[in-house]
Amino acid sequence: MKQSETLIPTLKEIPADADIKSHQLLLRAGFIRQTASGIYSFLPLGKRVLRKVEEIVREEMDAAGASEMFMPAMQPAELWHETGRWNTFGPELMRLNDRHDREFALGATHEEVITSLIRDEVKSYKKLPLMLYQIQTKFRDEKRPRFGLLRGREFVMKDAYTFHDSYESLDEAYQKMFQAYSNIFTRCGLNFRAVIADSGAMGGKDTHEFMVLSEVGEDTIAYSDSSTYAANIEMAPVITTYEKMDEPIKELEKVETPNKKSMQEVADFLNHPLSNGLKSLMFKVDEKLVLVVTRGDHEVNDIKLKNHFNATSVELATEEETRNVLGAGFGSLGPVGINGKVEVVADNAVKYVMNVSCGANEDGYHYINANPERDFDVDTFIDLRFILEGDPSPDGKGKIKFAKGIEVGHVFKLGQFYAEKLGATYLDDHGKSKTMIMGCYGIGVSRTLAAIVEQFHDEKGMTWPNEVAPFHVHLLTINAKKEEQQELADRLYQLFREVGIEVLYDDRTERAGVKFADSDLIGIPFRVTVGKKASEGIVEFKTRSNGEQIEIHESDLVDKLNRLIK
């Protein structure tokens, strides 16, 4: 492709609203342009990379035994009502009405559509297992779109679905998809981890997220410093063992703590560390109020709370709801004197505290020297807190460390939730009707493109890995007005195209400095520069990733490029 004949609008300055490197560089190098908040056009270079990632996805999905299809973006609300997700999915679901006032959703995901399709088309166990996928634009009304392609309202996604007659069959498909995803992200050149995750609004269990390690990631990964264990921080179980302190139990005492509401304010006022206080929060678990108690230096993990109760939603209760039950507002709550007014759930660490402070359920007052069993009862002790760096790894090997990650893929064992809701059944080998078992597997294709840039860039621009680069080689001339340079460049351009080497030919009449700057910014893996030795057939060959430059004769270029590209 000749650079003069395509659209590559590079920018010298960093756009003011671009906060992270991938967003900045994709805009500056002319790969994308914003159409509206969280909505982007892919320009020719961006589209080429997107297609490269899609090709890798297709190859690995096909190798795993999946078949590609394509489903509509507009989905009738009736399907979402059948699963109950029309009301529970949240405001991210984009909804619209047609001219007949019929309700539709713009596809944020396709469980409803694919399940209804298979329900109508597959009736026998002989057609199972079945593995289908699509690559399609998805829509989610993000409250705060940001970070360019990493959190948008319109994005490209690969979603796959499997249908089974047994959980053993589902397990086999899950492992195939897990391996396919590992292959995909490895081929994209990414440094990633597969981590244990929460299924969220998707439902199901046994799920992993594929996280690209990056400081701009919005998720925190808890991983072992001595093994392959890795989990999303919200899913990592705490196996810390606690022991009671060797000190005498003191008399419970109620003290005034005027205007002290936060744990830190109370700890400072009472002159003790955060770990010597109890944090009590009122949660609404579905429609049930629950008092949740942790040690003052620990944070409540609402995902663990939700999973313990097998709840649909978990949120903090309002101050009015809290006052109606316990007679006090936020900052003054505690487990002493509850007397069955509300269920009390506490983290395991609370069982081992001694002589701690806690809210007295009276505004402006706290207890000191509170002790479990003597002063307050807990209905259930469970693992309820977020894991911390330095805690033992849940697999018993090493200590936990944290890293930031960008989620680019997610695999789920959905089970029978959607099949039951939508009536997807089949006849088994005895002629009995059975409910299908499902799996679901997603990859953020456009997110993956941005994640690659986050890991592959330097101070000059992007440094694309070979397999996803928009072109293999960037060909340019120092001075296109010199006949011998123009002739050699034209000859090389034609040669590269004939042998299947993807080439971007900068044939513009720009200064050499502009061409070099744009080339470094765009980040194509190899650059061939035709300059003052053109009459001898000698060019400059540069590797973008490490900056190495050599002189090479035109007759050796194809062999060298073919070796490096492979």
Protein backbone atom coordinates (compact mmCIF):
# COMPACT_ATOMS: atom_id res chain seq x y z
CA MET A 1 0.00 0.00 0.00
CA LYS A 2 1.28 3.44 -0.88
CA GLN A 3 1.12 5.92 1.96
CA SER A 4 0.06 8.73 -0.38
CA GLU A 5 -3.02 6.74 -1.37
CA THR A 6 -4.44 5.92 2.04
CA LEU A 7 -5.61 7.71 5.21
CA ILE A 8 -2.98 7.89 7.96
CA PRO A 9 -3.54 11.25 9.72
CA THR A 10 -0.67 11.35 12.22
CA LEU A 11 -0.55 13.91 15.02
CA LYS A 12 2.50 15.54 16.65
CA GLU A 13 0.77 16.50 19.89
CA ILE A 14 -0.81 14.20 22.47
CA PRO A 15 -4.61 14.63 22.45
CA ALA A 16 -5.76 16.32 25.66
CA ASP A 17 -8.40 13.72 26.55
CA ALA A 18 -6.11 10.68 26.06
CA ASP A 19 -4.82 9.50 29.44
CA ILE A 20 -3.05 6.23 28.63
CA LYS A 21 -0.43 5.24 26.08
CA SER A 22 -2.61 3.03 23.88
CA HIS A 23 -5.22 5.77 23.52
CA GLN A 24 -2.58 8.43 22.84
CA LEU A 25 -0.59 6.41 20.32
CA LEU A 26 -3.53 4.95 18.41
CA LEU A 27 -4.85 8.49 17.94
CA ARG A 28 -1.48 10.05 17.14
CA ALA A 29 -0.52 7.32 14.66
CA GLY A 30 -3.82 7.61 12.81
CA PHE A 31 -5.21 4.17 13.71
CA ILE A 32 -8.49 5.39 15.25
CA ARG A 33 -10.62 8.51 15.55
CA GLN A 34 -13.38 9.25 18.06
CA THR A 35 -16.87 9.66 16.63
CA ALA A 36 -18.60 10.14 20.00
CA SER A 37 -17.72 9.41 23.62
CA GLY A 38 -16.66 5.74 23.78
CA ILE A 39 -17.31 5.24 20.04
CA TYR A 40 -14.44 5.02 17.53
CA SER A 41 -13.83 4.65 13.82
CA PHE A 42 -11.01 2.30 12.84
CA LEU A 43 -8.97 3.94 10.11
CA PRO A 44 -7.05 1.79 7.56
CA LEU A 45 -4.08 0.97 9.81
CA GLY A 46 -6.32 0.25 12.80
CA LYS A 47 -8.59 -1.94 10.70
CA ARG A 48 -5.61 -3.96 9.44
CA VAL A 49 -4.48 -4.74 13.00
CA LEU A 50 -8.04 -5.51 14.05
CA ARG A 51 -8.31 -7.95 11.14
CA LYS A 52 -5.00 -9.59 12.11
CA VAL A 53 -6.27 -10.20 15.65
CA GLU A 54 -9.57 -11.51 14.26
CA GLU A 55 -7.68 -13.91 11.96
CA ILE A 56 -5.73 -15.32 14.91
CA VAL A 57 -8.98 -15.74 16.84
CA ARG A 58 -10.64 -17.51 13.89
CA GLU A 59 -7.74 -19.87 13.34
CA GLU A 60 -7.60 -20.94 16.97
CA MET A 61 -11.38 -21.19 17.34
CA ASP A 62 -11.64 -23.29 14.19
CA ALA A 63 -8.79 -25.50 15.43
CA ALA A 64 -10.73 -26.04 18.67
CA GLY A 65 -13.71 -27.33 16.68
CA ALA A 66 -15.91 -24.23 16.75
CA SER A 67 -17.98 -23.04 13.78
CA GLU A 68 -18.39 -19.36 12.96
CA MET A 69 -21.82 -17.76 12.58
CA PHE A 70 -23.27 -14.27 12.85
CA MET A 71 -26.19 -13.11 15.01
CA PRO A 72 -28.19 -9.86 14.96
CA ALA A 73 -27.18 -6.91 17.12
CA MET A 74 -30.85 -5.99 17.68
CA GLN A 75 -32.46 -8.41 20.10
CA PRO A 76 -36.15 -8.52 21.07
CA ALA A 77 -36.82 -7.65 24.70
CA GLU A 78 -38.98 -10.75 25.07
CA LEU A 79 -35.91 -12.97 25.12
CA TRP A 80 -34.33 -10.90 27.90
CA HIS A 81 -37.59 -10.97 29.86
CA GLU A 82 -37.59 -14.80 29.63
CA THR A 83 -34.21 -14.97 31.40
CA GLY A 84 -35.04 -12.08 33.76
CA ARG A 85 -32.02 -10.07 32.62
CA TRP A 86 -34.02 -7.22 31.13
CA ASN A 87 -34.34 -5.82 34.65
CA THR A 88 -31.16 -7.20 36.26
CA PHE A 89 -28.51 -6.54 33.62
CA GLY A 90 -28.42 -2.87 34.55
CA PRO A 91 -28.28 0.50 32.77
CA GLU A 92 -25.39 -0.68 30.57
CA LEU A 93 -27.93 -2.49 28.39
CA MET A 94 -28.85 -0.17 25.51
CA ARG A 95 -32.60 -0.30 24.92
CA LEU A 96 -34.71 1.10 22.08
CA ASN A 97 -38.18 0.95 20.60
CA ASP A 98 -39.08 0.49 16.95
CA ARG A 99 -41.84 2.40 15.13
CA HIS A 100 -44.41 -0.07 16.50
CA ASP A 101 -43.19 0.59 20.04
CA ARG A 102 -41.74 -2.90 20.38
CA GLU A 103 -38.79 -3.04 22.77
CA PHE A 104 -35.34 -4.16 21.68
CA ALA A 105 -31.85 -4.28 23.14
CA LEU A 106 -28.63 -3.61 21.31
CA GLY A 107 -26.58 -6.71 21.93
CA ALA A 108 -24.27 -6.41 24.92
CA THR A 109 -23.98 -10.20 24.82
CA HIS A 110 -25.83 -13.00 23.02
CA GLU A 111 -26.77 -15.76 25.49
CA GLU A 112 -30.48 -15.18 24.94
CA VAL A 113 -30.28 -15.15 21.15
CA ILE A 114 -28.05 -18.21 20.75
CA THR A 115 -30.00 -20.24 23.32
CA SER A 116 -33.34 -19.51 21.66
CA LEU A 117 -31.84 -20.42 18.29
CA ILE A 118 -30.48 -23.77 19.51
CA ARG A 119 -33.75 -24.43 21.38
CA ASP A 120 -35.60 -24.25 18.07
CA GLU A 121 -33.07 -26.08 15.91
CA VAL A 122 -31.49 -28.83 18.02
CA LYS A 123 -33.76 -31.58 19.41
CA SER A 124 -31.55 -34.65 19.82
CA TYR A 125 -28.47 -35.63 21.82
CA LYS A 126 -26.97 -36.73 18.49
CA LYS A 127 -26.34 -33.06 17.61
CA LEU A 128 -24.45 -32.43 20.84
CA PRO A 129 -21.90 -31.21 21.75
CA LEU A 130 -22.11 -28.07 19.62
CA MET A 131 -19.57 -25.22 19.56
CA LEU A 132 -20.45 -21.93 17.82
CA TYR A 133 -18.86 -18.47 17.74
CA GLN A 134 -19.14 -15.07 16.14
CA ILE A 135 -17.08 -11.88 15.86
CA GLN A 136 -19.38 -8.90 16.11
CA THR A 137 -19.85 -5.36 17.41
CA LYS A 138 -21.28 -5.16 20.92
CA PHE A 139 -22.92 -2.22 22.70
CA ARG A 140 -22.83 -1.23 26.37
CA ASP A 141 -23.90 2.14 27.72
CA GLU A 142 -20.86 2.73 29.91
CA LYS A 143 -21.46 5.42 32.50
CA ARG A 144 -17.93 6.72 32.04
CA PRO A 145 -16.25 5.62 28.81
CA ARG A 146 -12.49 6.12 29.06
CA PHE A 147 -9.09 4.84 28.07
CA GLY A 148 -9.96 4.75 24.37
CA LEU A 149 -10.63 1.19 23.21
CA LEU A 150 -10.30 -0.27 26.71
CA ARG A 151 -13.67 0.98 27.93
CA GLY A 152 -16.01 2.01 25.15
CA ARG A 153 -19.70 1.95 24.42
CA GLU A 154 -19.23 0.15 21.11
CA PHE A 155 -16.57 -2.53 20.71
CA VAL A 156 -15.63 -5.64 18.74
CA MET A 157 -16.00 -8.93 20.56
CA LYS A 158 -15.67 -12.62 19.83
CA ASP A 159 -18.28 -14.60 21.72
CA ALA A 160 -18.59 -18.39 21.63
CA TYR A 161 -21.18 -20.76 23.08
CA THR A 162 -21.13 -24.51 23.64
CA PHE A 163 -24.07 -26.86 24.22
CA HIS A 164 -23.77 -30.24 25.92
CA ASP A 165 -25.60 -33.27 27.25
CA SER A 166 -23.25 -33.74 30.22
CA TYR A 167 -20.98 -31.74 32.51
CA GLU A 168 -18.08 -33.97 31.45
CA SER A 169 -18.61 -32.77 27.90
CA LEU A 170 -18.72 -29.17 29.13
CA ASP A 171 -15.44 -29.69 30.99
CA GLU A 172 -13.79 -30.94 27.80
CA ALA A 173 -15.00 -27.92 25.81
CA TYR A 174 -13.92 -25.56 28.58
CA GLN A 175 -10.38 -26.95 28.46
CA LYS A 176 -10.32 -26.67 24.66
CA MET A 177 -11.41 -23.03 24.87
CA PHE A 178 -8.97 -22.33 27.69
CA GLN A 179 -6.13 -23.65 25.54
CA ALA A 180 -7.39 -21.79 22.45
CA TYR A 181 -7.40 -18.53 24.43
CA SER A 182 -3.89 -19.19 25.70
CA ASN A 183 -2.79 -19.76 22.10
CA ILE A 184 -4.51 -16.59 20.88
CA PHE A 185 -2.93 -14.26 23.42
CA THR A 186 0.46 -15.95 23.06
CA ARG A 187 0.34 -15.44 19.30
CA CYS A 188 -0.55 -11.78 19.89
CA GLY A 189 2.73 -11.52 21.80
CA LEU A 190 1.07 -10.66 25.10
CA ASN A 191 2.30 -11.17 28.65
CA PHE A 192 -0.89 -12.44 30.30
CA ARG A 193 -2.21 -14.56 33.13
CA ALA A 194 -5.33 -16.72 33.29
CA VAL A 195 -6.93 -15.92 36.65
CA ILE A 196 -9.81 -17.36 38.67
CA ALA A 197 -12.71 -14.93 38.33
CA ASP A 198 -16.31 -14.13 39.25
CA SER A 199 -19.02 -14.74 36.66
CA GLY A 200 -20.96 -11.58 37.57
CA ALA A 201 -24.15 -10.92 35.58
CA MET A 202 -23.34 -13.84 33.25
CA GLY A 203 -24.20 -16.45 35.84
CA GLY A 204 -22.63 -19.88 36.07
CA LYS A 205 -19.47 -20.98 37.84
CA ASP A 206 -15.92 -22.16 37.16
CA THR A 207 -14.73 -19.13 35.26
CA HIS A 208 -11.37 -17.65 34.32
CA GLU A 209 -10.38 -14.21 33.08
CA PHE A 210 -7.41 -13.72 30.79
CA MET A 211 -5.54 -10.68 32.04
CA VAL A 212 -2.85 -8.74 30.19
CA LEU A 213 -0.40 -7.40 32.76
CA SER A 214 -0.40 -3.61 32.63
CA GLU A 215 -0.22 -0.75 35.10
CA VAL A 216 -3.27 0.86 33.46
CA GLY A 217 -5.39 -2.23 34.11
CA GLU A 218 -8.57 -1.65 36.09
CA ASP A 219 -8.45 -5.09 37.70
CA THR A 220 -6.08 -6.28 40.41
CA ILE A 221 -4.58 -9.75 40.09
CA ALA A 222 -3.51 -11.65 43.19
CA TYR A 223 -0.78 -14.11 42.25
CA SER A 224 1.66 -16.36 44.05
CA ASP A 225 5.35 -15.49 44.06
CA SER A 226 6.16 -19.24 44.04
CA SER A 227 3.58 -20.95 41.82
CA THR A 228 1.23 -20.44 38.86
CA TYR A 229 -1.72 -19.51 41.10
CA ALA A 230 -3.51 -16.33 39.99
CA ALA A 231 -6.97 -14.96 40.71
CA ASN A 232 -8.90 -11.77 40.43
CA ILE A 233 -8.51 -10.10 43.83
CA GLU A 234 -12.25 -10.42 44.46
CA MET A 235 -12.09 -14.20 44.07
CA ALA A 236 -8.89 -15.07 45.94
CA PRO A 237 -9.75 -16.97 49.16
CA VAL A 238 -7.95 -16.03 52.37
CA ILE A 239 -6.30 -18.99 54.15
CA THR A 240 -4.50 -16.93 56.80
CA THR A 241 -4.56 -18.62 60.21
CA TYR A 242 -5.26 -16.37 63.18
CA GLU A 243 -4.46 -16.71 66.86
CA LYS A 244 -5.89 -14.90 69.87
CA MET A 245 -3.53 -12.52 71.59
CA ASP A 246 -2.19 -13.56 74.98
CA GLU A 247 -3.71 -10.81 77.14
CA PRO A 248 -6.44 -10.58 79.78
CA ILE A 249 -9.99 -9.82 78.70
CA LYS A 250 -10.99 -6.32 79.82
CA GLU A 251 -14.31 -4.90 80.91
CA LEU A 252 -16.62 -3.67 78.14
CA GLU A 253 -16.92 0.11 78.26
CA LYS A 254 -18.99 2.62 76.32
CA VAL A 255 -17.15 5.82 75.39
CA GLU A 256 -18.07 9.01 73.60
CA THR A 257 -16.50 9.49 70.13
CA PRO A 258 -17.92 12.83 68.95
CA ASN A 259 -18.01 13.25 65.17
CA LYS A 260 -15.71 10.27 64.64
CA LYS A 261 -17.15 8.15 61.85
CA SER A 262 -14.40 6.59 59.76
CA MET A 263 -12.34 3.69 61.06
CA GLN A 264 -9.18 5.81 60.91
CA GLU A 265 -10.79 8.69 62.84
CA VAL A 266 -11.98 6.34 65.58
CA ALA A 267 -8.63 4.53 65.74
CA ASP A 268 -6.75 7.81 66.06
CA PHE A 269 -9.17 9.13 68.69
CA LEU A 270 -8.94 5.94 70.76
CA ASN A 271 -5.20 5.68 70.13
CA HIS A 272 -5.07 2.15 68.76
CA PRO A 273 -4.18 0.59 65.37
CA LEU A 274 -6.90 -0.11 62.80
CA SER A 275 -6.62 -3.83 63.53
CA ASN A 276 -7.89 -3.18 67.10
CA GLY A 277 -11.26 -2.02 65.83
CA LEU A 278 -14.25 -3.66 64.16
CA LYS A 279 -15.78 -2.29 60.98
CA SER A 280 -19.56 -2.86 60.75
CA LEU A 281 -21.47 -2.19 57.54
CA MET A 282 -25.13 -2.78 56.75
CA PHE A 283 -25.66 -4.47 53.38
CA LYS A 284 -28.84 -5.17 51.47
CA VAL A 285 -28.47 -8.70 50.11
CA ASP A 286 -31.27 -8.92 47.55
CA GLU A 287 -33.98 -7.48 49.86
CA LYS A 288 -32.54 -8.76 53.13
CA LEU A 289 -30.52 -6.57 55.50
CA VAL A 290 -27.31 -8.11 56.84
CA LEU A 291 -24.76 -6.59 59.24
CA VAL A 292 -21.28 -7.41 57.95
CA VAL A 293 -18.35 -7.20 60.37
CA THR A 294 -14.64 -7.23 59.58
CA ARG A 295 -11.49 -6.21 61.36
CA GLY A 296 -10.79 -2.51 60.98
CA ASP A 297 -7.78 -3.00 58.74
CA HIS A 298 -9.67 -5.31 56.35
CA GLU A 299 -12.07 -4.48 53.51
CA VAL A 300 -15.38 -6.26 52.89
CA ASN A 301 -15.35 -8.30 49.68
CA ASP A 302 -18.92 -7.92 48.41
CA ILE A 303 -18.42 -10.69 45.82
CA LYS A 304 -17.71 -13.20 48.59
CA LEU A 305 -20.78 -11.90 50.44
CA LYS A 306 -22.90 -12.27 47.32
CA ASN A 307 -21.63 -15.79 46.67
CA HIS A 308 -22.19 -16.85 50.30
CA PHE A 309 -25.87 -15.91 50.08
CA ASN A 310 -26.16 -16.97 46.41
CA ALA A 311 -27.67 -13.53 45.91
CA THR A 312 -28.59 -11.66 42.74
CA SER A 313 -27.49 -8.27 44.07
CA VAL A 314 -25.51 -6.88 47.00
CA GLU A 315 -25.35 -3.20 47.88
CA LEU A 316 -24.82 -1.00 50.91
CA ALA A 317 -28.04 -0.19 52.74
CA THR A 318 -29.12 3.43 52.95
CA GLU A 319 -28.60 5.37 56.16
CA GLU A 320 -32.36 5.51 56.63
CA GLU A 321 -32.64 1.71 56.36
CA THR A 322 -29.78 1.33 58.82
CA ARG A 323 -31.35 3.71 61.36
CA ASN A 324 -34.70 1.97 61.14
CA VAL A 325 -33.09 -1.30 62.27
CA LEU A 326 -30.27 -0.30 64.62
CA GLY A 327 -31.12 3.29 65.59
CA ALA A 328 -27.81 4.73 64.48
CA GLY A 329 -26.18 6.01 61.31
CA PHE A 330 -23.01 5.12 59.45
CA GLY A 331 -19.86 5.20 61.55
CA SER A 332 -21.55 4.16 64.79
CA LEU A 333 -22.66 0.62 63.93
CA GLY A 334 -21.49 -2.47 65.75
CA PRO A 335 -22.45 -6.07 66.61
CA VAL A 336 -23.00 -5.52 70.36
CA GLY A 337 -26.65 -5.62 71.45
CA ILE A 338 -28.10 -6.68 68.11
CA ASN A 339 -30.38 -9.24 69.81
CA GLY A 340 -31.60 -10.80 66.58
CA LYS A 341 -32.62 -7.52 64.93
CA VAL A 342 -30.60 -8.44 61.88
CA GLU A 343 -28.41 -11.32 60.71
CA VAL A 344 -24.73 -10.81 61.57
CA VAL A 345 -22.04 -12.20 59.26
CA ALA A 346 -18.39 -11.71 60.15
CA ASP A 347 -15.03 -12.40 58.57
CA ASN A 348 -13.03 -15.26 60.05
CA ALA A 349 -10.50 -12.86 61.57
CA VAL A 350 -13.21 -11.40 63.85
CA LYS A 351 -13.43 -14.68 65.75
CA TYR A 352 -9.90 -14.11 67.08
CA VAL A 353 -10.01 -10.42 68.07
CA MET A 354 -9.68 -9.35 71.72
CA ASN A 355 -10.54 -6.11 73.50
CA VAL A 356 -11.45 -4.24 70.33
CA SER A 357 -13.51 -1.11 69.68
CA CYS A 358 -16.77 -1.11 67.74
CA GLY A 359 -19.76 1.12 67.15
CA ALA A 360 -22.32 1.23 69.98
CA ASN A 361 -25.34 1.65 67.65
CA GLU A 362 -25.71 5.13 69.07
CA ASP A 363 -24.51 8.17 67.19
CA GLY A 364 -21.23 9.48 68.60
CA TYR A 365 -20.51 6.46 70.82
CA HIS A 366 -18.30 3.36 70.60
CA TYR A 367 -17.55 0.41 72.81
CA ILE A 368 -14.02 -0.45 73.79
CA ASN A 369 -12.82 -3.84 75.02
CA ALA A 370 -15.47 -5.73 73.04
CA ASN A 371 -14.93 -9.48 72.69
CA PRO A 372 -16.78 -12.07 70.57
CA GLU A 373 -19.04 -14.53 72.40
CA ARG A 374 -18.95 -12.54 75.66
CA ASP A 375 -20.23 -9.24 74.20
CA PHE A 376 -21.68 -10.08 70.83
CA ASP A 377 -22.83 -13.05 68.78
CA VAL A 378 -22.15 -13.75 65.12
CA ASP A 379 -24.52 -15.91 63.10
CA THR A 380 -21.88 -16.99 60.58
CA PHE A 381 -18.11 -16.67 60.30
CA ILE A 382 -16.87 -16.87 56.70
CA ASP A 383 -14.00 -15.70 54.53
CA LEU A 384 -15.32 -12.23 53.81
CA ARG A 385 -12.36 -9.94 53.21
CA PHE A 386 -10.11 -9.07 50.29
CA ILE A 387 -6.80 -10.87 50.24
CA LEU A 388 -3.73 -8.71 50.98
CA GLU A 389 -0.20 -8.70 49.63
CA GLY A 390 1.91 -10.92 51.85
CA ASP A 391 -0.98 -13.26 52.73
CA PRO A 392 -0.33 -16.96 52.09
CA SER A 393 -1.15 -18.04 48.55
CA PRO A 394 -4.45 -20.00 48.48
CA ASP A 395 -2.65 -22.97 46.89
CA GLY A 396 -0.30 -23.11 49.88
CA LYS A 397 2.75 -22.15 47.82
CA GLY A 398 4.44 -18.84 48.54
CA LYS A 399 3.03 -15.41 49.32
CA ILE A 400 0.55 -13.24 47.46
CA LYS A 401 1.66 -10.35 45.28
CA PHE A 402 -0.51 -7.90 43.34
CA ALA A 403 -0.38 -6.81 39.71
CA LYS A 404 -2.69 -4.72 37.54
CA GLY A 405 -4.35 -6.37 34.58
CA ILE A 406 -6.49 -5.59 31.53
CA GLU A 407 -9.20 -8.18 30.99
CA VAL A 408 -9.15 -9.34 27.37
CA GLY A 409 -10.92 -12.70 27.63
CA HIS A 410 -13.34 -14.59 29.87
CA VAL A 411 -14.47 -18.23 29.85
CA PHE A 412 -17.54 -19.46 31.76
CA LYS A 413 -19.25 -22.71 32.60
CA LEU A 414 -22.82 -21.45 32.45
CA GLY A 415 -24.51 -24.70 33.36
CA GLN A 416 -28.27 -24.79 32.74
CA PHE A 417 -29.41 -21.28 33.72
CA TYR A 418 -30.18 -19.98 30.22
CA ALA A 419 -31.31 -23.35 28.88
CA GLU A 420 -33.82 -23.70 31.74
CA LYS A 421 -35.13 -20.15 31.37
CA LEU A 422 -35.54 -20.43 27.61
CA GLY A 423 -36.59 -24.08 27.44
CA ALA A 424 -33.60 -25.42 25.50
CA THR A 425 -34.08 -29.19 25.78
CA TYR A 426 -33.13 -32.29 23.81
CA LEU A 427 -34.13 -35.94 23.75
CA ASP A 428 -31.51 -38.29 25.20
CA ASP A 429 -30.73 -41.80 23.93
CA HIS A 430 -33.73 -43.12 25.89
CA GLY A 431 -36.13 -40.57 24.37
CA LYS A 432 -36.36 -38.54 27.60
CA SER A 433 -36.36 -34.74 27.54
CA LYS A 434 -33.28 -33.18 29.17
CA THR A 435 -32.12 -29.60 29.66
CA MET A 436 -29.01 -28.62 27.75
CA ILE A 437 -25.81 -27.59 29.55
CA MET A 438 -23.94 -24.51 28.29
CA GLY A 439 -20.58 -22.79 28.24
CA CYS A 440 -19.78 -19.22 27.19
CA TYR A 441 -16.46 -17.75 26.05
CA GLY A 442 -15.68 -14.12 25.17
CA ILE A 443 -12.70 -12.15 23.85
CA GLY A 444 -12.60 -8.38 23.58
CA VAL A 445 -11.00 -8.11 20.15
CA SER A 446 -10.69 -4.32 20.10
CA ARG A 447 -9.58 -4.35 23.76
CA THR A 448 -6.87 -6.84 22.80
CA LEU A 449 -5.60 -4.40 20.17
CA ALA A 450 -5.28 -1.67 22.80
CA ALA A 451 -3.70 -4.08 25.31
CA ILE A 452 -1.02 -4.97 22.75
CA VAL A 453 -0.12 -1.29 22.43
CA GLU A 454 0.07 -0.95 26.22
CA GLN A 455 2.77 -3.65 26.27
CA PHE A 456 4.48 -2.80 22.98
CA HIS A 457 5.55 0.83 22.78
CA ASP A 458 8.47 3.11 23.57
CA GLU A 459 9.00 6.86 23.77
CA LYS A 460 8.81 7.20 19.96
CA GLY A 461 5.66 5.19 19.28
CA MET A 462 4.31 1.67 18.93
CA THR A 463 6.41 -1.47 18.42
CA TRP A 464 3.98 -4.01 16.97
CA PRO A 465 4.69 -7.76 17.28
CA ASN A 466 5.12 -9.36 13.85
CA GLU A 467 1.89 -11.36 13.77
CA VAL A 468 -0.45 -8.43 14.44
CA ALA A 469 1.47 -5.55 12.84
CA PRO A 470 -0.47 -3.62 10.17
CA PHE A 471 2.39 -4.32 7.70
CA HIS A 472 5.60 -6.35 7.81
CA VAL A 473 7.86 -3.62 6.49
CA HIS A 474 7.82 0.16 6.12
CA LEU A 475 9.59 1.25 2.93
CA LEU A 476 10.65 4.86 2.49
CA THR A 477 13.02 7.07 0.57
CA ILE A 478 15.27 9.79 1.91
CA ASN A 479 14.77 11.94 -1.16
CA ALA A 480 12.07 10.88 -3.60
CA LYS A 481 13.26 13.55 -6.07
CA LYS A 482 16.45 11.59 -6.72
CA GLU A 483 15.86 9.23 -9.60
CA GLU A 484 18.04 6.34 -8.39
CA GLN A 485 16.29 6.34 -4.97
CA GLN A 486 12.84 6.45 -6.54
CA GLU A 487 13.65 3.63 -8.96
CA LEU A 488 15.04 1.34 -6.24
CA ALA A 489 12.14 2.05 -3.89
CA ASP A 490 9.61 1.34 -6.65
CA ARG A 491 11.43 -1.88 -7.54
CA LEU A 492 11.48 -3.07 -3.92
CA TYR A 493 7.82 -2.17 -3.46
CA GLN A 494 6.86 -4.32 -6.42
CA LEU A 495 9.14 -7.18 -5.27
CA PHE A 496 7.74 -7.25 -1.74
CA ARG A 497 4.20 -7.38 -3.02
CA GLU A 498 5.00 -10.21 -5.44
CA VAL A 499 6.50 -12.43 -2.71
CA GLY A 500 3.72 -11.74 -0.18
CA ILE A 501 5.57 -9.38 2.16
CA GLU A 502 3.08 -6.79 3.41
CA VAL A 503 4.57 -3.37 2.74
CA LEU A 504 3.60 0.22 3.47
CA TYR A 505 5.47 2.43 0.99
CA ASP A 506 6.00 6.02 2.15
CA ASP A 507 6.11 7.65 -1.25
CA ARG A 508 5.19 11.09 0.08
CA THR A 509 7.24 14.16 -0.77
CA GLU A 510 7.87 14.89 2.90
CA ARG A 511 11.19 15.63 4.59
CA ALA A 512 13.14 12.59 5.76
CA GLY A 513 12.72 13.64 9.41
CA VAL A 514 8.93 13.64 9.07
CA LYS A 515 8.99 10.21 7.45
CA PHE A 516 11.24 8.74 10.16
CA ALA A 517 9.11 10.20 12.96
CA ASP A 518 5.90 8.85 11.42
CA SER A 519 7.51 5.46 10.85
CA ASP A 520 8.62 5.18 14.49
CA LEU A 521 5.17 6.33 15.65
CA ILE A 522 3.30 3.77 13.50
CA GLY A 523 5.66 1.05 14.72
CA ILE A 524 5.83 -1.41 11.80
CA PRO A 525 8.40 -4.10 12.80
CA PHE A 526 10.96 -3.46 10.05
CA ARG A 527 11.96 -0.40 8.06
CA VAL A 528 13.82 -0.28 4.77
CA THR A 529 15.23 3.12 3.91
CA VAL A 530 16.44 3.90 0.41
CA GLY A 531 19.11 6.60 0.56
CA LYS A 532 22.46 7.73 -0.78
CA LYS A 533 23.69 4.21 -1.68
CA ALA A 534 20.68 3.45 -3.87
CA SER A 535 22.84 3.39 -6.99
CA GLU A 536 24.76 0.44 -5.42
CA GLY A 537 21.55 -1.38 -4.49
CA ILE A 538 22.30 -0.91 -0.78
CA VAL A 539 19.62 0.14 1.70
CA GLU A 540 19.37 0.70 5.45
CA PHE A 541 17.49 -1.99 7.37
CA LYS A 542 16.12 -1.14 10.83
CA THR A 543 14.40 -3.35 13.41
CA ARG A 544 11.81 -1.20 15.17
CA SER A 545 11.71 -3.11 18.48
CA ASN A 546 15.41 -2.73 19.34
CA GLY A 547 16.56 0.06 17.02
CA GLU A 548 19.27 -2.04 15.36
CA GLN A 549 20.32 -0.75 11.93
CA ILE A 550 22.41 -2.43 9.25
CA GLU A 551 23.19 -1.88 5.59
CA ILE A 552 22.05 -4.66 3.28
CA HIS A 553 21.98 -5.29 -0.45
CA GLU A 554 18.59 -5.43 -2.12
CA SER A 555 19.22 -9.01 -3.24
CA ASP A 556 19.33 -10.19 0.40
CA LEU A 557 16.26 -8.32 1.63
CA VAL A 558 13.54 -10.88 0.88
CA ASP A 559 15.35 -13.77 2.57
CA LYS A 560 16.10 -11.66 5.64
CA LEU A 561 12.54 -10.39 5.95
CA ASN A 562 11.03 -13.85 5.48
CA ARG A 563 13.23 -15.24 8.26
CA LEU A 564 12.36 -12.41 10.65
CA ILE A 565 8.65 -12.39 9.88
CA LYS A 566 8.37 -16.11 10.58
